[in-house]
PDB file of N, CA and C in Angstrom:
ATOM      1  N   MET A   1      89.332  57.270 153.979  1.00  0.00           N
ATOM      2  CA  MET A   1      89.233  56.863 152.600  1.00  0.00           C
ATOM      3  C   MET A   1      87.982  57.157 152.885  1.00  0.00           C
ATOM      4  N   ILE A   2      87.455  57.479 151.026  1.00  0.00           N
ATOM      5  CA  ILE A   2      86.482  58.256 150.752  1.00  0.00           C
ATOM      6  C   ILE A   2      85.548  57.087 150.710  1.00  0.00           C
ATOM      7  N   ARG A   3      84.355  57.184 150.447  1.00  0.00           N
ATOM      8  CA  ARG A   3      82.923  56.429 150.253  1.00  0.00           C
ATOM      9  C   ARG A   3      82.680  56.787 149.229  1.00  0.00           C
ATOM     10  N   VAL A   4      82.413  56.211 148.064  1.00  0.00           N
ATOM     11  CA  VAL A   4      81.544  56.936 147.010  1.00  0.00           C
ATOM     12  C   VAL A   4      79.950  55.872 146.948  1.00  0.00           C
ATOM     13  N   PRO A   5      78.992  56.901 146.728  1.00  0.00           N
ATOM     14  CA  PRO A   5      77.908  56.186 146.521  1.00  0.00           C
ATOM     15  C   PRO A   5      78.028  55.685 144.995  1.00  0.00           C
ATOM     16  N   SER A   6      77.302  54.800 145.072  1.00  0.00           N
ATOM     17  CA  SER A   6      77.388  53.911 143.813  1.00  0.00           C
ATOM     18  C   SER A   6      76.577  54.647 142.519  1.00  0.00           C
ATOM     19  N   GLU A   7      75.530  56.072 142.834  1.00  0.00           N
ATOM     20  CA  GLU A   7      75.067  56.803 141.662  1.00  0.00           C
ATOM     21  C   GLU A   7      75.580  58.091 141.375  1.00  0.00           C
ATOM     22  N   PHE A   8      77.318  57.963 141.582  1.00  0.00           N
ATOM     23  CA  PHE A   8      77.492  59.294 142.125  1.00  0.00           C
ATOM     24  C   PHE A   8      78.888  58.985 140.930  1.00  0.00           C
ATOM     25  N   PRO A   9      79.919  58.026 140.998  1.00  0.00           N
ATOM     26  CA  PRO A   9      80.905  58.232 140.138  1.00  0.00           C
ATOM     27  C   PRO A   9      81.064  58.863 138.998  1.00  0.00           C
ATOM     28  N   ARG A  10      79.842  59.012 138.251  1.00  0.00           N
ATOM     29  CA  ARG A  10      80.235  59.985 136.865  1.00  0.00           C
ATOM     30  C   ARG A  10      80.608  61.044 137.345  1.00  0.00           C
ATOM     31  N   TYR A  11      79.768  61.863 138.381  1.00  0.00           N
ATOM     32  CA  TYR A  11      79.951  63.368 138.879  1.00  0.00           C
ATOM     33  C   TYR A  11      81.162  63.627 139.066  1.00  0.00           C
ATOM     34  N   ILE A  12      81.699  62.359 140.261  1.00  0.00           N
ATOM     35  CA  ILE A  12      83.102  62.599 140.500  1.00  0.00           C
ATOM     36  C   ILE A  12      84.500  63.016 139.681  1.00  0.00           C
ATOM     37  N   VAL A  13      83.865  61.591 138.981  1.00  0.00           N
ATOM     38  CA  VAL A  13      85.047  61.661 137.553  1.00  0.00           C
ATOM     39  C   VAL A  13      85.060  63.183 136.561  1.00  0.00           C
ATOM     40  N   THR A  14      83.568  63.625 136.332  1.00  0.00           N
ATOM     41  CA  THR A  14      83.832  64.987 135.947  1.00  0.00           C
ATOM     42  C   THR A  14      83.913  66.054 136.577  1.00  0.00           C
ATOM     43  N   HIS A  15      83.464  66.027 137.435  1.00  0.00           N
ATOM     44  CA  HIS A  15      84.180  67.193 138.663  1.00  0.00           C
ATOM     45  C   HIS A  15      85.971  67.020 138.254  1.00  0.00           C
ATOM     46  N   LEU A  16      86.181  65.729 138.703  1.00  0.00           N
ATOM     47  CA  LEU A  16      87.806  65.874 138.817  1.00  0.00           C
ATOM     48  C   LEU A  16      88.566  66.417 137.550  1.00  0.00           C
ATOM     49  N   ARG A  17      88.015  65.929 136.763  1.00  0.00           N
ATOM     50  CA  ARG A  17      88.229  66.171 135.581  1.00  0.00           C
ATOM     51  C   ARG A  17      88.487  67.643 134.714  1.00  0.00           C
ATOM     52  N   ARG A  18      87.573  68.102 135.258  1.00  0.00           N
ATOM     53  CA  ARG A  18      87.330  69.767 135.171  1.00  0.00           C
ATOM     54  C   ARG A  18      88.275  70.380 136.026  1.00  0.00           C
ATOM     55  N   ALA A  19      88.376  69.754 137.094  1.00  0.00           N
ATOM     56  CA  ALA A  19      89.168  70.830 138.169  1.00  0.00           C
ATOM     57  C   ALA A  19      90.901  70.573 137.898  1.00  0.00           C
ATOM     58  N   LEU A  20      91.441  69.350 137.063  1.00  0.00           N
ATOM     59  CA  LEU A  20      92.442  69.409 136.378  1.00  0.00           C
ATOM     60  C   LEU A  20      92.442  70.088 135.286  1.00  0.00           C
ATOM     61  N   ALA A  21      91.358  70.433 134.280  1.00  0.00           N
ATOM     62  CA  ALA A  21      91.694  71.018 133.226  1.00  0.00           C
ATOM     63  C   ALA A  21      91.477  72.443 133.438  1.00  0.00           C
ATOM     64  N   GLU A  22      90.953  72.746 134.273  1.00  0.00           N
ATOM     65  CA  GLU A  22      91.163  74.408 134.779  1.00  0.00           C
ATOM     66  C   GLU A  22      92.110  75.025 135.705  1.00  0.00           C
ATOM     67  N   ASP A  23      92.286  74.418 136.693  1.00  0.00           N
ATOM     68  CA  ASP A  23      93.586  74.961 137.609  1.00  0.00           C
ATOM     69  C   ASP A  23      94.722  74.741 136.238  1.00  0.00           C
ATOM     70  N   PRO A  24      95.730  75.946 136.699  1.00  0.00           N
ATOM     71  CA  PRO A  24      96.707  76.325 136.173  1.00  0.00           C
ATOM     72  C   PRO A  24      97.765  75.298 136.395  1.00  0.00           C
ATOM     73  N   ARG A  25      97.907  74.879 137.242  1.00  0.00           N
ATOM     74  CA  ARG A  25      99.079  73.863 137.731  1.00  0.00           C
ATOM     75  C   ARG A  25      98.836  72.557 136.933  1.00  0.00           C
ATOM     76  N   THR A  26      97.797  72.379 136.328  1.00  0.00           N
ATOM     77  CA  THR A  26      97.573  71.085 135.724  1.00  0.00           C
ATOM     78  C   THR A  26      96.881  71.379 134.559  1.00  0.00           C
ATOM     79  N   ARG A  27      96.538  72.478 134.207  1.00  0.00           N
ATOM     80  CA  ARG A  27      95.848  72.942 132.720  1.00  0.00           C
ATOM     81  C   ARG A  27      96.906  72.404 131.363  1.00  0.00           C
ATOM     82  N   GLY A  28      95.881  71.703 130.366  1.00  0.00           N
ATOM     83  CA  GLY A  28      96.896  71.319 129.285  1.00  0.00           C
ATOM     84  C   GLY A  28      97.265  69.571 129.191  1.00  0.00           C
ATOM     85  N   LEU A  29      97.004  69.354 130.548  1.00  0.00           N
ATOM     86  CA  LEU A  29      97.964  67.877 130.601  1.00  0.00           C
ATOM     87  C   LEU A  29      96.908  66.743 130.676  1.00  0.00           C
ATOM     88  N   ALA A  30      97.368  65.719 129.462  1.00  0.00           N
ATOM     89  CA  ALA A  30      96.062  64.746 129.334  1.00  0.00           C
ATOM     90  C   ALA A  30      96.236  63.645 130.131  1.00  0.00           C
ATOM     91  N   ILE A  31      95.461  63.680 130.840  1.00  0.00           N
ATOM     92  CA  ILE A  31      95.602  62.714 132.408  1.00  0.00           C
ATOM     93  C   ILE A  31      94.253  61.872 131.864  1.00  0.00           C
ATOM     94  N   GLY A  32      94.145  60.789 132.024  1.00  0.00           N
ATOM     95  CA  GLY A  32      92.632  59.983 132.445  1.00  0.00           C
ATOM     96  C   GLY A  32      92.360  59.960 133.759  1.00  0.00           C
ATOM     97  N   VAL A  33      91.302  60.119 134.477  1.00  0.00           N
ATOM     98  CA  VAL A  33      90.660  59.557 136.075  1.00  0.00           C
ATOM     99  C   VAL A  33      89.438  58.579 135.744  1.00  0.00           C
ATOM    100  N   THR A  34      89.689  57.656 136.425  1.00  0.00           N
ATOM    101  CA  THR A  34      88.371  56.759 136.568  1.00  0.00           C
ATOM    102  C   THR A  34      88.451  56.266 138.229  1.00  0.00           C
ATOM    103  N   LEU A  35      87.272  55.988 138.611  1.00  0.00           N
ATOM    104  CA  LEU A  35      86.948  55.204 139.667  1.00  0.00           C
ATOM    105  C   LEU A  35      87.147  53.731 139.654  1.00  0.00           C
ATOM    106  N   HIS A  36      87.784  53.243 140.845  1.00  0.00           N
ATOM    107  CA  HIS A  36      87.606  51.537 141.014  1.00  0.00           C
ATOM    108  C   HIS A  36      87.233  51.944 142.332  1.00  0.00           C
ATOM    109  N   GLY A  37      86.045  51.108 142.802  1.00  0.00           N
ATOM    110  CA  GLY A  37      85.631  50.949 144.009  1.00  0.00           C
ATOM    111  C   GLY A  37      86.068  52.436 144.494  1.00  0.00           C
ATOM    112  N   PRO A  38      86.727  52.741 145.882  1.00  0.00           N
ATOM    113  CA  PRO A  38      87.045  53.459 146.622  1.00  0.00           C
ATOM    114  C   PRO A  38      88.445  54.566 145.876  1.00  0.00           C
ATOM    115  N   CYS A  39      88.949  53.869 144.952  1.00  0.00           N
ATOM    116  CA  CYS A  39      90.225  54.698 144.390  1.00  0.00           C
ATOM    117  C   CYS A  39      90.235  55.497 143.196  1.00  0.00           C
ATOM    118  N   VAL A  40      90.693  56.659 143.302  1.00  0.00           N
ATOM    119  CA  VAL A  40      90.564  57.277 142.180  1.00  0.00           C
ATOM    120  C   VAL A  40      91.872  56.981 141.180  1.00  0.00           C
ATOM    121  N   HIS A  41      92.050  56.877 140.321  1.00  0.00           N
ATOM    122  CA  HIS A  41      92.825  55.954 139.102  1.00  0.00           C
ATOM    123  C   HIS A  41      93.491  57.238 138.602  1.00  0.00           C
ATOM    124  N   LEU A  42      94.765  57.805 138.014  1.00  0.00           N
ATOM    125  CA  LEU A  42      94.917  58.651 137.313  1.00  0.00           C
ATOM    126  C   LEU A  42      95.949  58.016 136.008  1.00  0.00           C
ATOM    127  N   SER A  43      95.583  58.543 135.178  1.00  0.00           N
ATOM    128  CA  SER A  43      96.889  58.054 133.626  1.00  0.00           C
ATOM    129  C   SER A  43      96.981  58.800 132.882  1.00  0.00           C
ATOM    130  N   GLY A  44      98.462  58.674 132.310  1.00  0.00           N
ATOM    131  CA  GLY A  44      98.594  59.374 131.082  1.00  0.00           C
ATOM    132  C   GLY A  44     100.007  59.498 131.068  1.00  0.00           C
ATOM    133  N   ARG A  45     100.564  60.539 130.878  1.00  0.00           N
ATOM    134  CA  ARG A  45     101.721  60.763 130.799  1.00  0.00           C
ATOM    135  C   ARG A  45     102.339  62.446 130.761  1.00  0.00           C
ATOM    136  N   VAL A  46     103.251  62.411 131.694  1.00  0.00           N
ATOM    137  CA  VAL A  46     103.397  64.490 131.445  1.00  0.00           C
ATOM    138  C   VAL A  46     105.148  64.321 131.370  1.00  0.00           C
ATOM    139  N   THR A  47     105.519  65.765 131.633  1.00  0.00           N
ATOM    140  CA  THR A  47     106.754  65.663 131.163  1.00  0.00           C
ATOM    141  C   THR A  47     107.740  65.848 132.324  1.00  0.00           C
ATOM    142  N   SER A  48     107.111  66.122 133.161  1.00  0.00           N
ATOM    143  CA  SER A  48     107.807  66.372 134.665  1.00  0.00           C
ATOM    144  C   SER A  48     107.437  65.671 136.138  1.00  0.00           C
ATOM    145  N   GLN A  49     108.438  65.094 136.966  1.00  0.00           N
ATOM    146  CA  GLN A  49     107.952  64.775 138.071  1.00  0.00           C
ATOM    147  C   GLN A  49     106.537  66.103 139.082  1.00  0.00           C
ATOM    148  N   GLU A  50     107.600  67.257 138.618  1.00  0.00           N
ATOM    149  CA  GLU A  50     106.795  68.236 138.876  1.00  0.00           C
ATOM    150  C   GLU A  50     105.054  68.569 138.326  1.00  0.00           C
ATOM    151  N   CYS A  51     104.906  68.245 137.188  1.00  0.00           N
ATOM    152  CA  CYS A  51     103.419  68.029 137.033  1.00  0.00           C
ATOM    153  C   CYS A  51     103.509  66.900 137.671  1.00  0.00           C
ATOM    154  N   ARG A  52     103.613  65.967 137.330  1.00  0.00           N
ATOM    155  CA  ARG A  52     102.939  64.693 138.309  1.00  0.00           C
ATOM    156  C   ARG A  52     102.199  64.921 139.450  1.00  0.00           C
ATOM    157  N   HIS A  53     103.135  65.499 140.309  1.00  0.00           N
ATOM    158  CA  HIS A  53     102.944  65.916 142.058  1.00  0.00           C
ATOM    159  C   HIS A  53     101.821  67.118 142.087  1.00  0.00           C
ATOM    160  N   ALA A  54     101.791  67.678 140.604  1.00  0.00           N
ATOM    161  CA  ALA A  54     101.019  68.409 141.318  1.00  0.00           C
ATOM    162  C   ALA A  54      99.530  67.759 141.036  1.00  0.00           C
ATOM    163  N   LEU A  55      99.495  66.919 139.663  1.00  0.00           N
ATOM    164  CA  LEU A  55      98.237  66.712 139.706  1.00  0.00           C
ATOM    165  C   LEU A  55      97.523  65.580 140.898  1.00  0.00           C
ATOM    166  N   ASN A  56      97.972  65.162 142.151  1.00  0.00           N
ATOM    167  CA  ASN A  56      98.046  64.626 143.144  1.00  0.00           C
ATOM    168  C   ASN A  56      97.456  66.024 144.337  1.00  0.00           C
ATOM    169  N   ILE A  57      98.168  67.278 144.119  1.00  0.00           N
ATOM    170  CA  ILE A  57      97.646  68.508 144.789  1.00  0.00           C
ATOM    171  C   ILE A  57      96.775  69.059 144.690  1.00  0.00           C
ATOM    172  N   VAL A  58      96.163  69.212 143.253  1.00  0.00           N
ATOM    173  CA  VAL A  58      94.888  69.234 142.665  1.00  0.00           C
ATOM    174  C   VAL A  58      93.816  68.381 142.990  1.00  0.00           C
ATOM    175  N   LEU A  59      93.847  66.862 143.081  1.00  0.00           N
ATOM    176  CA  LEU A  59      93.175  66.105 143.687  1.00  0.00           C
ATOM    177  C   LEU A  59      93.354  66.092 144.969  1.00  0.00           C
ATOM    178  N   ARG A  60      93.915  66.252 145.712  1.00  0.00           N
ATOM    179  CA  ARG A  60      93.462  66.375 147.048  1.00  0.00           C
ATOM    180  C   ARG A  60      92.325  67.786 147.664  1.00  0.00           C
ATOM    181  N   GLU A  61      92.693  68.713 146.807  1.00  0.00           N
ATOM    182  CA  GLU A  61      92.229  69.311 147.403  1.00  0.00           C
ATOM    183  C   GLU A  61      91.142  69.691 147.225  1.00  0.00           C
ATOM    184  N   HIS A  62      90.368  68.534 146.002  1.00  0.00           N
ATOM    185  CA  HIS A  62      89.143  68.291 145.686  1.00  0.00           C
ATOM    186  C   HIS A  62      88.038  67.062 146.626  1.00  0.00           C
ATOM    187  N   LEU A  63      89.084  66.467 146.863  1.00  0.00           N
ATOM    188  CA  LEU A  63      88.892  64.801 147.320  1.00  0.00           C
ATOM    189  C   LEU A  63      89.858  64.626 148.517  1.00  0.00           C
ATOM    190  N   PRO A  64      89.978  64.998 149.384  1.00  0.00           N
ATOM    191  CA  PRO A  64      90.962  65.301 150.297  1.00  0.00           C
ATOM    192  C   PRO A  64      91.183  63.644 151.261  1.00  0.00           C
ATOM    193  N   SER A  65      90.115  63.219 151.115  1.00  0.00           N
ATOM    194  CA  SER A  65      90.244  61.979 151.848  1.00  0.00           C
ATOM    195  C   SER A  65      90.068  60.890 150.256  1.00  0.00           C
ATOM    196  N   ALA A  66      90.144  61.134 149.482  1.00  0.00           N
ATOM    197  CA  ALA A  66      90.605  59.929 148.463  1.00  0.00           C
ATOM    198  C   ALA A  66      91.693  58.968 148.418  1.00  0.00           C
ATOM    199  N   VAL A  67      91.359  58.210 147.951  1.00  0.00           N
ATOM    200  CA  VAL A  67      92.646  57.225 148.245  1.00  0.00           C
ATOM    201  C   VAL A  67      92.863  56.921 146.643  1.00  0.00           C
ATOM    202  N   VAL A  68      94.396  57.166 146.424  1.00  0.00           N
ATOM    203  CA  VAL A  68      95.036  57.702 144.696  1.00  0.00           C
ATOM    204  C   VAL A  68      95.865  56.837 144.393  1.00  0.00           C
ATOM    205  N   ARG A  69      95.574  56.561 143.053  1.00  0.00           N
ATOM    206  CA  ARG A  69      96.582  55.775 142.666  1.00  0.00           C
ATOM    207  C   ARG A  69      96.987  56.847 141.501  1.00  0.00           C
ATOM    208  N   ASN A  70      98.293  56.628 141.526  1.00  0.00           N
ATOM    209  CA  ASN A  70      98.793  57.937 140.322  1.00  0.00           C
ATOM    210  C   ASN A  70      99.972  56.856 139.770  1.00  0.00           C
ATOM    211  N   ASP A  71      99.103  56.471 138.554  1.00  0.00           N
ATOM    212  CA  ASP A  71     100.168  55.746 137.756  1.00  0.00           C
ATOM    213  C   ASP A  71     100.936  56.203 136.557  1.00  0.00           C
ATOM    214  N   VAL A  72     100.859  57.974 136.571  1.00  0.00           N
ATOM    215  CA  VAL A  72     101.033  59.091 135.543  1.00  0.00           C
ATOM    216  C   VAL A  72     102.465  58.496 135.197  1.00  0.00           C
ATOM    217  N   ARG A  73     102.998  58.633 134.015  1.00  0.00           N
ATOM    218  CA  ARG A  73     104.203  58.000 133.721  1.00  0.00           C
ATOM    219  C   ARG A  73     104.873  59.465 133.339  1.00  0.00           C
ATOM    220  N   VAL A  74     106.342  59.990 133.719  1.00  0.00           N
ATOM    221  CA  VAL A  74     106.784  60.663 133.719  1.00  0.00           C
ATOM    222  C   VAL A  74     107.927  60.563 132.516  1.00  0.00           C
ATOM    223  N   GLU A  75     107.556  60.885 131.444  1.00  0.00           N
ATOM    224  CA  GLU A  75     108.606  61.075 130.408  1.00  0.00           C
ATOM    225  C   GLU A  75     109.151  62.431 129.437  1.00  0.00           C
ATOM    226  N   ARG A  76     110.154  62.065 129.521  1.00  0.00           N
ATOM    227  CA  ARG A  76     111.186  63.131 129.187  1.00  0.00           C
ATOM    228  C   ARG A  76     111.463  63.802 127.855  1.00  0.00           C
TER     229      ARG A  76
END
């Protein structure tokens, strides 16, 4: 589990939002990223399970040991 120093959460959230916005697998998805203690929380809506899964992959590439709560909903 990643331990987030209290002075860095804003940096981490900004970094993850930028990573999701710039990666071709997740670019254009309107996803909320917040930190709740050691947990990275994703929220929003996507059009496929593949998009939802891509969010996890990109996040893991940037914070491999993070605890992730992916509450992104798939709406077709």
